[in-house]
Amino acid sequence: MKSPSVVVIDPEIMSGTPCFAGTRVPVRNLLDYLEGGDTLGEFLAQFPSVSREQAVAYLEQSSAHLLAAAGAKI
C-alpha cells in the first residue's frame, strides 16, 4: 500500500509550487529556514499547519533521494 504524499503539486494551490500536503506552505520555506540557521521547531512555530511528521518525512525522503542519486554516480 502506498503511503500518502508528503508533498503535493497542484496548479490550483500556490500556482503549482510544491507544498506540504493539506497546506499552502511551500516546501522551499522549510529549506530556507534550515539554510538560514533556524531550527525545525522554529519553522513549525511559524507554519503550524505543517506537522512535525510531515516535515521530518520530507527531510528523510529528500535525503534518501539525494543519497540514492549520489550512489548512482559512484
C-alpha atoms as a PDB file:
ATOM      1  CA  MET A   1       0.000   0.000   0.000  1.00  0.00           C
ATOM      2  CA  LYS A   2       1.341   3.404  -0.993  1.00  0.00           C
ATOM      3  CA  SER A   3       1.674   5.952   1.809  1.00  0.00           C
ATOM      4  CA  PRO A   4       0.077   9.370   1.334  1.00  0.00           C
ATOM      5  CA  SER A   5       2.234  12.021  -0.274  1.00  0.00           C
ATOM      6  CA  VAL A   6       4.018  14.487   1.944  1.00  0.00           C
ATOM      7  CA  VAL A   7       4.270  16.989  -0.914  1.00  0.00           C
ATOM      8  CA  VAL A   8       1.642  17.922  -3.479  1.00  0.00           C
ATOM      9  CA  ILE A   9       1.978  19.835  -6.713  1.00  0.00           C
ATOM     10  CA  ASP A  10      -1.374  21.213  -7.765  1.00  0.00           C
ATOM     11  CA  PRO A  11      -1.823  24.082 -10.217  1.00  0.00           C
ATOM     12  CA  GLU A  12      -4.771  25.251  -8.087  1.00  0.00           C
ATOM     13  CA  ILE A  13      -2.582  25.593  -4.972  1.00  0.00           C
ATOM     14  CA  MET A  14       0.138  28.258  -4.985  1.00  0.00           C
ATOM     15  CA  SER A  15       0.301  28.043  -8.810  1.00  0.00           C
ATOM     16  CA  GLY A  16       1.765  24.545  -8.684  1.00  0.00           C
ATOM     17  CA  THR A  17       4.554  25.272  -6.217  1.00  0.00           C
ATOM     18  CA  PRO A  18       5.417  22.067  -4.301  1.00  0.00           C
ATOM     19  CA  CYS A  19       3.651  22.387  -0.930  1.00  0.00           C
ATOM     20  CA  PHE A  20       3.191  20.230   2.127  1.00  0.00           C
ATOM     21  CA  ALA A  21       0.040  18.149   1.622  1.00  0.00           C
ATOM     22  CA  GLY A  22      -3.072  19.744   3.069  1.00  0.00           C
ATOM     23  CA  THR A  23      -1.421  23.158   3.386  1.00  0.00           C
ATOM     24  CA  ARG A  24      -0.432  26.141   1.287  1.00  0.00           C
ATOM     25  CA  VAL A  25       3.101  26.074   2.715  1.00  0.00           C
ATOM     26  CA  PRO A  26       5.796  25.603   0.068  1.00  0.00           C
ATOM     27  CA  VAL A  27       8.421  23.014   0.992  1.00  0.00           C
ATOM     28  CA  ARG A  28      11.020  25.593  -0.042  1.00  0.00           C
ATOM     29  CA  ASN A  29      10.090  27.528   3.117  1.00  0.00           C
ATOM     30  CA  LEU A  30      11.412  24.676   5.266  1.00  0.00           C
ATOM     31  CA  LEU A  31      14.664  24.579   3.319  1.00  0.00           C
ATOM     32  CA  ASP A  32      15.040  28.358   3.556  1.00  0.00           C
ATOM     33  CA  TYR A  33      14.558  28.231   7.334  1.00  0.00           C
ATOM     34  CA  LEU A  34      17.124  25.476   7.772  1.00  0.00           C
ATOM     35  CA  GLU A  35      19.608  27.139   5.411  1.00  0.00           C
ATOM     36  CA  GLY A  36      19.204  30.337   7.414  1.00  0.00           C
ATOM     37  CA  GLY A  37      20.179  28.580  10.648  1.00  0.00           C
ATOM     38  CA  ASP A  38      16.707  28.250  12.111  1.00  0.00           C
ATOM     39  CA  THR A  39      15.590  25.048  13.772  1.00  0.00           C
ATOM     40  CA  LEU A  40      12.823  22.723  12.713  1.00  0.00           C
ATOM     41  CA  GLY A  41      10.921  23.870  15.794  1.00  0.00           C
ATOM     42  CA  GLU A  42      11.157  27.493  14.695  1.00  0.00           C
ATOM     43  CA  PHE A  43       9.834  26.583  11.258  1.00  0.00           C
ATOM     44  CA  LEU A  44       6.938  24.635  12.760  1.00  0.00           C
ATOM     45  CA  ALA A  45       6.084  27.523  15.085  1.00  0.00           C
ATOM     46  CA  GLN A  46       5.793  29.841  12.080  1.00  0.00           C
ATOM     47  CA  PHE A  47       3.830  27.324   9.973  1.00  0.00           C
ATOM     48  CA  PRO A  48       1.530  25.453  12.368  1.00  0.00           C
ATOM     49  CA  SER A  49      -0.413  23.852   9.505  1.00  0.00           C
ATOM     50  CA  VAL A  50       2.665  21.697   8.787  1.00  0.00           C
ATOM     51  CA  SER A  51       3.036  18.800  11.213  1.00  0.00           C
ATOM     52  CA  ARG A  52       6.376  17.685  12.608  1.00  0.00           C
ATOM     53  CA  GLU A  53       5.741  14.304  10.970  1.00  0.00           C
ATOM     54  CA  GLN A  54       5.317  15.934   7.541  1.00  0.00           C
ATOM     55  CA  ALA A  55       8.481  17.991   7.871  1.00  0.00           C
ATOM     56  CA  VAL A  56      10.577  15.054   9.082  1.00  0.00           C
ATOM     57  CA  ALA A  57       9.159  12.767   6.377  1.00  0.00           C
ATOM     58  CA  TYR A  58      10.030  15.355   3.724  1.00  0.00           C
ATOM     59  CA  LEU A  59      13.596  15.677   5.004  1.00  0.00           C
ATOM     60  CA  GLU A  60      14.001  11.893   5.191  1.00  0.00           C
ATOM     61  CA  GLN A  61      12.633  11.394   1.668  1.00  0.00           C
ATOM     62  CA  SER A  62      14.815  14.182   0.296  1.00  0.00           C
ATOM     63  CA  SER A  63      17.879  12.731   1.987  1.00  0.00           C
ATOM     64  CA  ALA A  64      17.165   9.231   0.671  1.00  0.00           C
ATOM     65  CA  HIS A  65      16.663  10.582  -2.841  1.00  0.00           C
ATOM     66  CA  LEU A  66      19.904  12.569  -2.782  1.00  0.00           C
ATOM     67  CA  LEU A  67      21.896   9.661  -1.367  1.00  0.00           C
ATOM     68  CA  ALA A  68      20.456   7.302  -3.994  1.00  0.00           C
ATOM     69  CA  ALA A  69      21.327   9.767  -6.747  1.00  0.00           C
ATOM     70  CA  ALA A  70      24.849  10.188  -5.399  1.00  0.00           C
ATOM     71  CA  GLY A  71      25.272   6.420  -5.164  1.00  0.00           C
ATOM     72  CA  ALA A  72      24.219   6.030  -8.772  1.00  0.00           C
ATOM     73  CA  LYS A  73      27.063   8.333  -9.822  1.00  0.00           C
ATOM     74  CA  ILE A  74      29.733   6.397  -7.945  1.00  0.00           C
END
